[in-house]
Amino acid sequence: MQLTELTDKQWKMIQKYVPKPAKTGRPRSDDRKTVNGIIYVLITGCRWREMPEKYGSKSTAHRRLQNWQQNEIWKKILSRAINSVYLSGKLNLQKISVDSTSIPAKKAAM
């Protein structure tokens, strides 16, 4: 298994936050496979069109990423993950530090 794919334990944790598929219409693509595709693109930094076919439709993965962002699904998943790690004692908020650096991108010389 690659680092870009969810373990069974990770999938079980976030599965409850995944919106239920519509009862009518075309069957929805496999949620876990699609989420693994989203994770692959975000971790590797590749373009959507370079996402491996084993993760399903590139447009479905991209659309689902955006829709879930708008509906705050990712925020709920992240909050659940943080709470889980905190409650297990693996996260000490007294020793956390966040650092960010911004460097403006320059246009290439023509």
PDB file of N, CA and C in Angstrom:
ATOM      1  N   MET A   1       0.845  -1.185   0.000  1.00  0.00           N
ATOM      2  CA  MET A   1       0.000   0.000   0.000  1.00  0.00           C
ATOM      3  C   MET A   1       0.887   1.244   0.000  1.00  0.00           C
ATOM      4  N   GLN A   2       0.479   2.209  -0.746  1.00  0.00           N
ATOM      5  CA  GLN A   2       1.235   3.452  -0.844  1.00  0.00           C
ATOM      6  C   GLN A   2       0.856   4.401   0.288  1.00  0.00           C
ATOM      7  N   LEU A   3       1.710   5.369   0.531  1.00  0.00           N
ATOM      8  CA  LEU A   3       1.429   6.373   1.557  1.00  0.00           C
ATOM      9  C   LEU A   3       0.249   7.260   1.189  1.00  0.00           C
ATOM     10  N   THR A   4      -0.154   7.247  -0.069  1.00  0.00           N
ATOM     11  CA  THR A   4      -1.233   8.118  -0.513  1.00  0.00           C
ATOM     12  C   THR A   4      -2.598   7.458  -0.379  1.00  0.00           C
ATOM     13  N   GLU A   5      -2.649   6.242   0.151  1.00  0.00           N
ATOM     14  CA  GLU A   5      -3.932   5.552   0.274  1.00  0.00           C
ATOM     15  C   GLU A   5      -4.321   5.382   1.737  1.00  0.00           C
ATOM     16  N   LEU A   6      -5.606   5.511   2.000  1.00  0.00           N
ATOM     17  CA  LEU A   6      -6.116   5.388   3.353  1.00  0.00           C
ATOM     18  C   LEU A   6      -6.033   3.941   3.844  1.00  0.00           C
ATOM     19  N   THR A   7      -5.675   3.792   5.111  1.00  0.00           N
ATOM     20  CA  THR A   7      -5.735   2.468   5.732  1.00  0.00           C
ATOM     21  C   THR A   7      -7.202   2.177   6.060  1.00  0.00           C
ATOM     22  N   ASP A   8      -7.505   0.940   6.383  1.00  0.00           N
ATOM     23  CA  ASP A   8      -8.881   0.590   6.770  1.00  0.00           C
ATOM     24  C   ASP A   8      -9.323   1.397   7.989  1.00  0.00           C
ATOM     25  N   LYS A   9      -8.424   1.582   8.942  1.00  0.00           N
ATOM     26  CA  LYS A   9      -8.741   2.341  10.157  1.00  0.00           C
ATOM     27  C   LYS A   9      -9.037   3.806   9.824  1.00  0.00           C
ATOM     28  N   GLN A  10      -8.225   4.402   8.944  1.00  0.00           N
ATOM     29  CA  GLN A  10      -8.445   5.797   8.548  1.00  0.00           C
ATOM     30  C   GLN A  10      -9.766   5.941   7.796  1.00  0.00           C
ATOM     31  N   TRP A  11     -10.043   5.015   6.897  1.00  0.00           N
ATOM     32  CA  TRP A  11     -11.285   5.074   6.126  1.00  0.00           C
ATOM     33  C   TRP A  11     -12.489   4.943   7.047  1.00  0.00           C
ATOM     34  N   LYS A  12     -12.419   4.030   8.001  1.00  0.00           N
ATOM     35  CA  LYS A  12     -13.524   3.836   8.938  1.00  0.00           C
ATOM     36  C   LYS A  12     -13.804   5.119   9.713  1.00  0.00           C
ATOM     37  N   MET A  13     -12.739   5.846  10.073  1.00  0.00           N
ATOM     38  CA  MET A  13     -12.890   7.076  10.837  1.00  0.00           C
ATOM     39  C   MET A  13     -13.609   8.170  10.031  1.00  0.00           C
ATOM     40  N   ILE A  14     -13.269   8.304   8.752  1.00  0.00           N
ATOM     41  CA  ILE A  14     -13.858   9.411   7.977  1.00  0.00           C
ATOM     42  C   ILE A  14     -15.128   9.016   7.232  1.00  0.00           C
ATOM     43  N   GLN A  15     -15.371   7.735   7.094  1.00  0.00           N
ATOM     44  CA  GLN A  15     -16.515   7.271   6.294  1.00  0.00           C
ATOM     45  C   GLN A  15     -17.841   7.860   6.765  1.00  0.00           C
ATOM     46  N   LYS A  16     -17.998   8.057   8.075  1.00  0.00           N
ATOM     47  CA  LYS A  16     -19.260   8.584   8.600  1.00  0.00           C
ATOM     48  C   LYS A  16     -19.513  10.028   8.192  1.00  0.00           C
ATOM     49  N   TYR A  17     -18.471  10.744   7.741  1.00  0.00           N
ATOM     50  CA  TYR A  17     -18.621  12.139   7.322  1.00  0.00           C
ATOM     51  C   TYR A  17     -18.883  12.274   5.815  1.00  0.00           C
ATOM     52  N   VAL A  18     -18.723  11.175   5.113  1.00  0.00           N
ATOM     53  CA  VAL A  18     -18.935  11.177   3.661  1.00  0.00           C
ATOM     54  C   VAL A  18     -20.438  11.274   3.401  1.00  0.00           C
ATOM     55  N   PRO A  19     -20.861  12.254   2.606  1.00  0.00           N
ATOM     56  CA  PRO A  19     -22.295  12.390   2.318  1.00  0.00           C
ATOM     57  C   PRO A  19     -22.860  11.124   1.677  1.00  0.00           C
ATOM     58  N   LYS A  20     -24.078  10.808   2.022  1.00  0.00           N
ATOM     59  CA  LYS A  20     -24.748   9.630   1.459  1.00  0.00           C
ATOM     60  C   LYS A  20     -25.047   9.875  -0.013  1.00  0.00           C
ATOM     61  N   PRO A  21     -24.935   8.828  -0.850  1.00  0.00           N
ATOM     62  CA  PRO A  21     -25.246   9.009  -2.270  1.00  0.00           C
ATOM     63  C   PRO A  21     -26.744   9.233  -2.480  1.00  0.00           C
ATOM     64  N   ALA A  22     -27.065   9.868  -3.575  1.00  0.00           N
ATOM     65  CA  ALA A  22     -28.469  10.104  -3.924  1.00  0.00           C
ATOM     66  C   ALA A  22     -29.168   8.768  -4.139  1.00  0.00           C
ATOM     67  N   LYS A  23     -30.441   8.710  -3.798  1.00  0.00           N
ATOM     68  CA  LYS A  23     -31.197   7.462  -3.951  1.00  0.00           C
ATOM     69  C   LYS A  23     -31.604   7.207  -5.396  1.00  0.00           C
ATOM     70  N   THR A  24     -31.581   8.246  -6.197  1.00  0.00           N
ATOM     71  CA  THR A  24     -31.949   8.095  -7.606  1.00  0.00           C
ATOM     72  C   THR A  24     -30.771   8.502  -8.482  1.00  0.00           C
ATOM     73  N   GLY A  25     -30.878   8.168  -9.740  1.00  0.00           N
ATOM     74  CA  GLY A  25     -29.836   8.561 -10.687  1.00  0.00           C
ATOM     75  C   GLY A  25     -28.733   7.530 -10.805  1.00  0.00           C
ATOM     76  N   ARG A  26     -27.676   7.934 -11.443  1.00  0.00           N
ATOM     77  CA  ARG A  26     -26.537   7.059 -11.692  1.00  0.00           C
ATOM     78  C   ARG A  26     -25.815   6.721 -10.388  1.00  0.00           C
ATOM     79  N   PRO A  27     -25.380   5.470 -10.223  1.00  0.00           N
ATOM     80  CA  PRO A  27     -24.635   5.127  -9.004  1.00  0.00           C
ATOM     81  C   PRO A  27     -23.357   5.959  -8.883  1.00  0.00           C
ATOM     82  N   ARG A  28     -23.047   6.383  -7.676  1.00  0.00           N
ATOM     83  CA  ARG A  28     -21.868   7.209  -7.424  1.00  0.00           C
ATOM     84  C   ARG A  28     -20.620   6.331  -7.446  1.00  0.00           C
ATOM     85  N   SER A  29     -19.535   6.911  -7.901  1.00  0.00           N
ATOM     86  CA  SER A  29     -18.268   6.182  -7.917  1.00  0.00           C
ATOM     87  C   SER A  29     -17.829   5.877  -6.493  1.00  0.00           C
ATOM     88  N   ASP A  30     -16.985   4.880  -6.345  1.00  0.00           N
ATOM     89  CA  ASP A  30     -16.529   4.428  -5.039  1.00  0.00           C
ATOM     90  C   ASP A  30     -15.878   5.571  -4.264  1.00  0.00           C
ATOM     91  N   ASP A  31     -16.422   5.866  -3.083  1.00  0.00           N
ATOM     92  CA  ASP A  31     -15.945   7.001  -2.285  1.00  0.00           C
ATOM     93  C   ASP A  31     -14.495   6.831  -1.845  1.00  0.00           C
ATOM     94  N   ARG A  32     -14.148   5.658  -1.366  1.00  0.00           N
ATOM     95  CA  ARG A  32     -12.785   5.455  -0.864  1.00  0.00           C
ATOM     96  C   ARG A  32     -11.762   5.595  -1.979  1.00  0.00           C
ATOM     97  N   LYS A  33     -12.069   5.036  -3.136  1.00  0.00           N
ATOM     98  CA  LYS A  33     -11.161   5.141  -4.277  1.00  0.00           C
ATOM     99  C   LYS A  33     -10.998   6.604  -4.692  1.00  0.00           C
ATOM    100  N   THR A  34     -12.094   7.338  -4.695  1.00  0.00           N
ATOM    101  CA  THR A  34     -12.054   8.751  -5.072  1.00  0.00           C
ATOM    102  C   THR A  34     -11.262   9.571  -4.063  1.00  0.00           C
ATOM    103  N   VAL A  35     -11.476   9.325  -2.776  1.00  0.00           N
ATOM    104  CA  VAL A  35     -10.727  10.044  -1.744  1.00  0.00           C
ATOM    105  C   VAL A  35      -9.238   9.717  -1.860  1.00  0.00           C
ATOM    106  N   ASN A  36      -8.909   8.461  -2.132  1.00  0.00           N
ATOM    107  CA  ASN A  36      -7.502   8.098  -2.333  1.00  0.00           C
ATOM    108  C   ASN A  36      -6.907   8.856  -3.518  1.00  0.00           C
ATOM    109  N   GLY A  37      -7.692   9.062  -4.568  1.00  0.00           N
ATOM    110  CA  GLY A  37      -7.233   9.847  -5.711  1.00  0.00           C
ATOM    111  C   GLY A  37      -6.981  11.303  -5.334  1.00  0.00           C
ATOM    112  N   ILE A  38      -7.882  11.871  -4.544  1.00  0.00           N
ATOM    113  CA  ILE A  38      -7.716  13.248  -4.079  1.00  0.00           C
ATOM    114  C   ILE A  38      -6.440  13.354  -3.248  1.00  0.00           C
ATOM    115  N   ILE A  39      -6.246  12.415  -2.346  1.00  0.00           N
ATOM    116  CA  ILE A  39      -5.054  12.416  -1.501  1.00  0.00           C
ATOM    117  C   ILE A  39      -3.796  12.296  -2.358  1.00  0.00           C
ATOM    118  N   TYR A  40      -3.848  11.439  -3.375  1.00  0.00           N
ATOM    119  CA  TYR A  40      -2.694  11.258  -4.259  1.00  0.00           C
ATOM    120  C   TYR A  40      -2.299  12.583  -4.912  1.00  0.00           C
ATOM    121  N   VAL A  41      -3.280  13.274  -5.458  1.00  0.00           N
ATOM    122  CA  VAL A  41      -2.999  14.551  -6.138  1.00  0.00           C
ATOM    123  C   VAL A  41      -2.476  15.589  -5.147  1.00  0.00           C
ATOM    124  N   LEU A  42      -3.067  15.672  -3.987  1.00  0.00           N
ATOM    125  CA  LEU A  42      -2.652  16.675  -3.015  1.00  0.00           C
ATOM    126  C   LEU A  42      -1.265  16.394  -2.445  1.00  0.00           C
ATOM    127  N   ILE A  43      -0.942  15.127  -2.224  1.00  0.00           N
ATOM    128  CA  ILE A  43       0.366  14.786  -1.668  1.00  0.00           C
ATOM    129  C   ILE A  43       1.470  14.901  -2.711  1.00  0.00           C
ATOM    130  N   THR A  44       1.209  14.395  -3.909  1.00  0.00           N
ATOM    131  CA  THR A  44       2.261  14.403  -4.938  1.00  0.00           C
ATOM    132  C   THR A  44       2.391  15.750  -5.619  1.00  0.00           C
ATOM    133  N   GLY A  45       1.318  16.545  -5.615  1.00  0.00           N
ATOM    134  CA  GLY A  45       1.356  17.834  -6.297  1.00  0.00           C
ATOM    135  C   GLY A  45       1.196  17.716  -7.806  1.00  0.00           C
ATOM    136  N   CYS A  46       0.792  16.540  -8.266  1.00  0.00           N
ATOM    137  CA  CYS A  46       0.623  16.357  -9.712  1.00  0.00           C
ATOM    138  C   CYS A  46      -0.646  17.062 -10.187  1.00  0.00           C
ATOM    139  N   ARG A  47      -0.807  17.148 -11.477  1.00  0.00           N
ATOM    140  CA  ARG A  47      -2.022  17.717 -12.067  1.00  0.00           C
ATOM    141  C   ARG A  47      -3.116  16.660 -12.011  1.00  0.00           C
ATOM    142  N   TRP A  48      -4.347  17.122 -12.030  1.00  0.00           N
ATOM    143  CA  TRP A  48      -5.471  16.182 -11.980  1.00  0.00           C
ATOM    144  C   TRP A  48      -5.403  15.188 -13.129  1.00  0.00           C
ATOM    145  N   ARG A  49      -5.006  15.630 -14.276  1.00  0.00           N
ATOM    146  CA  ARG A  49      -4.962  14.730 -15.444  1.00  0.00           C
ATOM    147  C   ARG A  49      -3.876  13.661 -15.294  1.00  0.00           C
ATOM    148  N   GLU A  50      -2.958  13.844 -14.340  1.00  0.00           N
ATOM    149  CA  GLU A  50      -1.903  12.865 -14.098  1.00  0.00           C
ATOM    150  C   GLU A  50      -2.259  11.878 -12.990  1.00  0.00           C
ATOM    151  N   MET A  51      -3.445  12.013 -12.423  1.00  0.00           N
ATOM    152  CA  MET A  51      -3.885  11.086 -11.381  1.00  0.00           C
ATOM    153  C   MET A  51      -4.026   9.691 -11.989  1.00  0.00           C
ATOM    154  N   PRO A  52      -3.466   8.664 -11.364  1.00  0.00           N
ATOM    155  CA  PRO A  52      -3.552   7.307 -11.913  1.00  0.00           C
ATOM    156  C   PRO A  52      -5.003   6.842 -12.092  1.00  0.00           C
ATOM    157  N   GLU A  53      -5.245   6.080 -13.135  1.00  0.00           N
ATOM    158  CA  GLU A  53      -6.591   5.602 -13.459  1.00  0.00           C
ATOM    159  C   GLU A  53      -7.188   4.728 -12.374  1.00  0.00           C
ATOM    160  N   LYS A  54      -6.349   4.101 -11.555  1.00  0.00           N
ATOM    161  CA  LYS A  54      -6.876   3.204 -10.519  1.00  0.00           C
ATOM    162  C   LYS A  54      -7.735   3.939  -9.496  1.00  0.00           C
ATOM    163  N   TYR A  55      -7.647   5.285  -9.469  1.00  0.00           N
ATOM    164  CA  TYR A  55      -8.442   6.078  -8.539  1.00  0.00           C
ATOM    165  C   TYR A  55      -9.757   6.547  -9.152  1.00  0.00           C
ATOM    166  N   GLY A  56     -10.010   6.173 -10.373  1.00  0.00           N
ATOM    167  CA  GLY A  56     -11.266   6.542 -11.013  1.00  0.00           C
ATOM    168  C   GLY A  56     -11.156   7.825 -11.830  1.00  0.00           C
ATOM    169  N   SER A  57     -12.288   8.464 -12.006  1.00  0.00           N
ATOM    170  CA  SER A  57     -12.392   9.658 -12.843  1.00  0.00           C
ATOM    171  C   SER A  57     -11.699  10.864 -12.208  1.00  0.00           C
ATOM    172  N   LYS A  58     -10.860  11.494 -12.992  1.00  0.00           N
ATOM    173  CA  LYS A  58     -10.152  12.690 -12.526  1.00  0.00           C
ATOM    174  C   LYS A  58     -11.127  13.831 -12.250  1.00  0.00           C
ATOM    175  N   SER A  59     -12.110  13.980 -13.129  1.00  0.00           N
ATOM    176  CA  SER A  59     -13.079  15.069 -12.947  1.00  0.00           C
ATOM    177  C   SER A  59     -13.967  14.811 -11.731  1.00  0.00           C
ATOM    178  N   THR A  60     -14.306  13.555 -11.473  1.00  0.00           N
ATOM    179  CA  THR A  60     -15.103  13.230 -10.287  1.00  0.00           C
ATOM    180  C   THR A  60     -14.326  13.565  -9.024  1.00  0.00           C
ATOM    181  N   ALA A  61     -13.059  13.187  -8.979  1.00  0.00           N
ATOM    182  CA  ALA A  61     -12.227  13.462  -7.805  1.00  0.00           C
ATOM    183  C   ALA A  61     -12.103  14.964  -7.578  1.00  0.00           C
ATOM    184  N   HIS A  62     -11.858  15.708  -8.634  1.00  0.00           N
ATOM    185  CA  HIS A  62     -11.712  17.163  -8.512  1.00  0.00           C
ATOM    186  C   HIS A  62     -13.024  17.805  -8.064  1.00  0.00           C
ATOM    187  N   ARG A  63     -14.114  17.390  -8.678  1.00  0.00           N
ATOM    188  CA  ARG A  63     -15.423  17.942  -8.335  1.00  0.00           C
ATOM    189  C   ARG A  63     -15.786  17.610  -6.878  1.00  0.00           C
ATOM    190  N   ARG A  64     -15.494  16.382  -6.452  1.00  0.00           N
ATOM    191  CA  ARG A  64     -15.809  15.986  -5.079  1.00  0.00           C
ATOM    192  C   ARG A  64     -14.955  16.771  -4.076  1.00  0.00           C
ATOM    193  N   LEU A  65     -13.691  16.998  -4.400  1.00  0.00           N
ATOM    194  CA  LEU A  65     -12.833  17.811  -3.537  1.00  0.00           C
ATOM    195  C   LEU A  65     -13.455  19.188  -3.335  1.00  0.00           C
ATOM    196  N   GLN A  66     -13.875  19.812  -4.425  1.00  0.00           N
ATOM    197  CA  GLN A  66     -14.454  21.157  -4.344  1.00  0.00           C
ATOM    198  C   GLN A  66     -15.787  21.166  -3.604  1.00  0.00           C
ATOM    199  N   ASN A  67     -16.663  20.206  -3.930  1.00  0.00           N
ATOM    200  CA  ASN A  67     -17.977  20.152  -3.279  1.00  0.00           C
ATOM    201  C   ASN A  67     -17.850  19.925  -1.778  1.00  0.00           C
ATOM    202  N   TRP A  68     -16.977  19.024  -1.403  1.00  0.00           N
ATOM    203  CA  TRP A  68     -16.803  18.740   0.022  1.00  0.00           C
ATOM    204  C   TRP A  68     -16.152  19.913   0.734  1.00  0.00           C
ATOM    205  N   GLN A  69     -15.326  20.653   0.027  1.00  0.00           N
ATOM    206  CA  GLN A  69     -14.740  21.858   0.624  1.00  0.00           C
ATOM    207  C   GLN A  69     -15.846  22.882   0.895  1.00  0.00           C
ATOM    208  N   GLN A  70     -16.727  23.092  -0.078  1.00  0.00           N
ATOM    209  CA  GLN A  70     -17.814  24.053   0.079  1.00  0.00           C
ATOM    210  C   GLN A  70     -18.773  23.642   1.195  1.00  0.00           C
ATOM    211  N   ASN A  71     -18.960  22.333   1.369  1.00  0.00           N
ATOM    212  CA  ASN A  71     -19.887  21.825   2.386  1.00  0.00           C
ATOM    213  C   ASN A  71     -19.199  21.510   3.718  1.00  0.00           C
ATOM    214  N   GLU A  72     -17.940  21.918   3.836  1.00  0.00           N
ATOM    215  CA  GLU A  72     -17.140  21.772   5.053  1.00  0.00           C
ATOM    216  C   GLU A  72     -16.968  20.325   5.519  1.00  0.00           C
ATOM    217  N   ILE A  73     -17.039  19.383   4.583  1.00  0.00           N
ATOM    218  CA  ILE A  73     -16.818  17.975   4.916  1.00  0.00           C
ATOM    219  C   ILE A  73     -15.372  17.772   5.358  1.00  0.00           C
ATOM    220  N   TRP A  74     -14.414  18.365   4.634  1.00  0.00           N
ATOM    221  CA  TRP A  74     -12.997  18.216   4.985  1.00  0.00           C
ATOM    222  C   TRP A  74     -12.712  18.804   6.359  1.00  0.00           C
ATOM    223  N   LYS A  75     -13.367  19.906   6.679  1.00  0.00           N
ATOM    224  CA  LYS A  75     -13.183  20.542   7.987  1.00  0.00           C
ATOM    225  C   LYS A  75     -13.638  19.601   9.101  1.00  0.00           C
ATOM    226  N   LYS A  76     -14.756  18.921   8.895  1.00  0.00           N
ATOM    227  CA  LYS A  76     -15.274  17.975   9.882  1.00  0.00           C
ATOM    228  C   LYS A  76     -14.316  16.788  10.033  1.00  0.00           C
ATOM    229  N   ILE A  77     -13.801  16.300   8.917  1.00  0.00           N
ATOM    230  CA  ILE A  77     -12.868  15.176   8.955  1.00  0.00           C
ATOM    231  C   ILE A  77     -11.592  15.575   9.693  1.00  0.00           C
ATOM    232  N   LEU A  78     -11.063  16.750   9.383  1.00  0.00           N
ATOM    233  CA  LEU A  78      -9.844  17.219  10.047  1.00  0.00           C
ATOM    234  C   LEU A  78     -10.072  17.412  11.542  1.00  0.00           C
ATOM    235  N   SER A  79     -11.197  17.986  11.925  1.00  0.00           N
ATOM    236  CA  SER A  79     -11.506  18.173  13.344  1.00  0.00           C
ATOM    237  C   SER A  79     -11.574  16.834  14.058  1.00  0.00           C
ATOM    238  N   ARG A  80     -12.193  15.859  13.417  1.00  0.00           N
ATOM    239  CA  ARG A  80     -12.298  14.511  14.008  1.00  0.00           C
ATOM    240  C   ARG A  80     -10.911  13.898  14.175  1.00  0.00           C
ATOM    241  N   ALA A  81     -10.052  14.053  13.179  1.00  0.00           N
ATOM    242  CA  ALA A  81      -8.697  13.493  13.250  1.00  0.00           C
ATOM    243  C   ALA A  81      -7.895  14.156  14.368  1.00  0.00           C
ATOM    244  N   ILE A  82      -7.989  15.472  14.474  1.00  0.00           N
ATOM    245  CA  ILE A  82      -7.265  16.200  15.523  1.00  0.00           C
ATOM    246  C   ILE A  82      -7.757  15.775  16.898  1.00  0.00           C
ATOM    247  N   ASN A  83      -9.070  15.685  17.067  1.00  0.00           N
ATOM    248  CA  ASN A  83      -9.630  15.261  18.354  1.00  0.00           C
ATOM    249  C   ASN A  83      -9.193  13.849  18.717  1.00  0.00           C
ATOM    250  N   SER A  84      -9.181  12.976  17.751  1.00  0.00           N
ATOM    251  CA  SER A  84      -8.779  11.589  17.979  1.00  0.00           C
ATOM    252  C   SER A  84      -7.333  11.505  18.459  1.00  0.00           C
ATOM    253  N   VAL A  85      -6.456  12.239  17.787  1.00  0.00           N
ATOM    254  CA  VAL A  85      -5.039  12.227  18.157  1.00  0.00           C
ATOM    255  C   VAL A  85      -4.843  12.889  19.522  1.00  0.00           C
ATOM    256  N   TYR A  86      -5.554  13.971  19.765  1.00  0.00           N
ATOM    257  CA  TYR A  86      -5.447  14.674  21.047  1.00  0.00           C
ATOM    258  C   TYR A  86      -5.908  13.779  22.201  1.00  0.00           C
ATOM    259  N   LEU A  87      -7.054  13.126  22.029  1.00  0.00           N
ATOM    260  CA  LEU A  87      -7.590  12.263  23.086  1.00  0.00           C
ATOM    261  C   LEU A  87      -6.714  11.048  23.342  1.00  0.00           C
ATOM    262  N   SER A  88      -5.970  10.610  22.322  1.00  0.00           N
ATOM    263  CA  SER A  88      -5.079   9.462  22.501  1.00  0.00           C
ATOM    264  C   SER A  88      -3.774   9.859  23.201  1.00  0.00           C
ATOM    265  N   GLY A  89      -3.572  11.159  23.406  1.00  0.00           N
ATOM    266  CA  GLY A  89      -2.373  11.629  24.082  1.00  0.00           C
ATOM    267  C   GLY A  89      -1.181  11.813  23.160  1.00  0.00           C
ATOM    268  N   LYS A  90      -1.401  11.689  21.864  1.00  0.00           N
ATOM    269  CA  LYS A  90      -0.301  11.817  20.899  1.00  0.00           C
ATOM    270  C   LYS A  90      -0.097  13.254  20.432  1.00  0.00           C
ATOM    271  N   LEU A  91      -0.965  14.172  20.866  1.00  0.00           N
ATOM    272  CA  LEU A  91      -0.859  15.574  20.483  1.00  0.00           C
ATOM    273  C   LEU A  91      -0.850  16.422  21.742  1.00  0.00           C
ATOM    274  N   ASN A  92       0.205  17.180  21.901  1.00  0.00           N
ATOM    275  CA  ASN A  92       0.338  18.072  23.046  1.00  0.00           C
ATOM    276  C   ASN A  92       0.306  19.499  22.520  1.00  0.00           C
ATOM    277  N   LEU A  93      -0.796  20.184  22.746  1.00  0.00           N
ATOM    278  CA  LEU A  93      -0.959  21.537  22.222  1.00  0.00           C
ATOM    279  C   LEU A  93      -0.028  22.545  22.878  1.00  0.00           C
ATOM    280  N   GLN A  94       0.615  22.182  23.973  1.00  0.00           N
ATOM    281  CA  GLN A  94       1.574  23.061  24.628  1.00  0.00           C
ATOM    282  C   GLN A  94       2.890  23.116  23.859  1.00  0.00           C
ATOM    283  N   LYS A  95       3.139  22.118  23.017  1.00  0.00           N
ATOM    284  CA  LYS A  95       4.418  22.035  22.313  1.00  0.00           C
ATOM    285  C   LYS A  95       4.262  22.169  20.802  1.00  0.00           C
ATOM    286  N   ILE A  96       3.226  22.833  20.367  1.00  0.00           N
ATOM    287  CA  ILE A  96       2.976  22.951  18.937  1.00  0.00           C
ATOM    288  C   ILE A  96       3.423  24.322  18.430  1.00  0.00           C
ATOM    289  N   SER A  97       3.936  24.338  17.225  1.00  0.00           N
ATOM    290  CA  SER A  97       4.393  25.576  16.615  1.00  0.00           C
ATOM    291  C   SER A  97       4.015  25.559  15.137  1.00  0.00           C
ATOM    292  N   VAL A  98       3.525  26.669  14.672  1.00  0.00           N
ATOM    293  CA  VAL A  98       3.164  26.792  13.260  1.00  0.00           C
ATOM    294  C   VAL A  98       4.005  27.901  12.664  1.00  0.00           C
ATOM    295  N   ASP A  99       4.599  27.620  11.517  1.00  0.00           N
ATOM    296  CA  ASP A  99       5.453  28.603  10.851  1.00  0.00           C
ATOM    297  C   ASP A  99       5.061  28.637   9.384  1.00  0.00           C
ATOM    298  N   SER A 100       5.054  29.799   8.822  1.00  0.00           N
ATOM    299  CA  SER A 100       4.712  29.941   7.416  1.00  0.00           C
ATOM    300  C   SER A 100       5.607  30.990   6.786  1.00  0.00           C
ATOM    301  N   THR A 101       6.046  30.689   5.582  1.00  0.00           N
ATOM    302  CA  THR A 101       6.870  31.623   4.834  1.00  0.00           C
ATOM    303  C   THR A 101       6.245  31.809   3.471  1.00  0.00           C
ATOM    304  N   SER A 102       6.168  33.040   3.024  1.00  0.00           N
ATOM    305  CA  SER A 102       5.635  33.321   1.695  1.00  0.00           C
ATOM    306  C   SER A 102       6.744  33.932   0.846  1.00  0.00           C
ATOM    307  N   ILE A 103       6.887  33.400  -0.334  1.00  0.00           N
ATOM    308  CA  ILE A 103       7.870  33.925  -1.274  1.00  0.00           C
ATOM    309  C   ILE A 103       7.132  34.217  -2.570  1.00  0.00           C
ATOM    310  N   PRO A 104       7.145  35.472  -3.013  1.00  0.00           N
ATOM    311  CA  PRO A 104       6.427  35.792  -4.255  1.00  0.00           C
ATOM    312  C   PRO A 104       7.069  35.103  -5.454  1.00  0.00           C
ATOM    313  N   ALA A 105       6.221  34.600  -6.327  1.00  0.00           N
ATOM    314  CA  ALA A 105       6.723  33.967  -7.551  1.00  0.00           C
ATOM    315  C   ALA A 105       6.989  35.051  -8.591  1.00  0.00           C
ATOM    316  N   LYS A 106       8.124  34.981  -9.217  1.00  0.00           N
ATOM    317  CA  LYS A 106       8.493  35.946 -10.261  1.00  0.00           C
ATOM    318  C   LYS A 106       8.142  35.378 -11.611  1.00  0.00           C
ATOM    319  N   LYS A 107       7.682  36.242 -12.496  1.00  0.00           N
ATOM    320  CA  LYS A 107       7.410  35.814 -13.861  1.00  0.00           C
ATOM    321  C   LYS A 107       8.725  35.474 -14.560  1.00  0.00           C
ATOM    322  N   ALA A 108       8.678  34.419 -15.339  1.00  0.00           N
ATOM    323  CA  ALA A 108       9.897  34.027 -16.064  1.00  0.00           C
ATOM    324  C   ALA A 108      10.230  35.064 -17.124  1.00  0.00           C
ATOM    325  N   ALA A 109      11.521  35.275 -17.322  1.00  0.00           N
ATOM    326  CA  ALA A 109      11.965  36.218 -18.355  1.00  0.00           C
ATOM    327  C   ALA A 109      11.619  35.664 -19.728  1.00  0.00           C
ATOM    328  N   MET A 110      11.203  36.531 -20.611  1.00  0.00           N
ATOM    329  CA  MET A 110      10.810  36.066 -21.951  1.00  0.00           C
ATOM    330  C   MET A 110      11.937  36.210 -22.914  1.00  0.00           C
TER     331      MET A 110
END
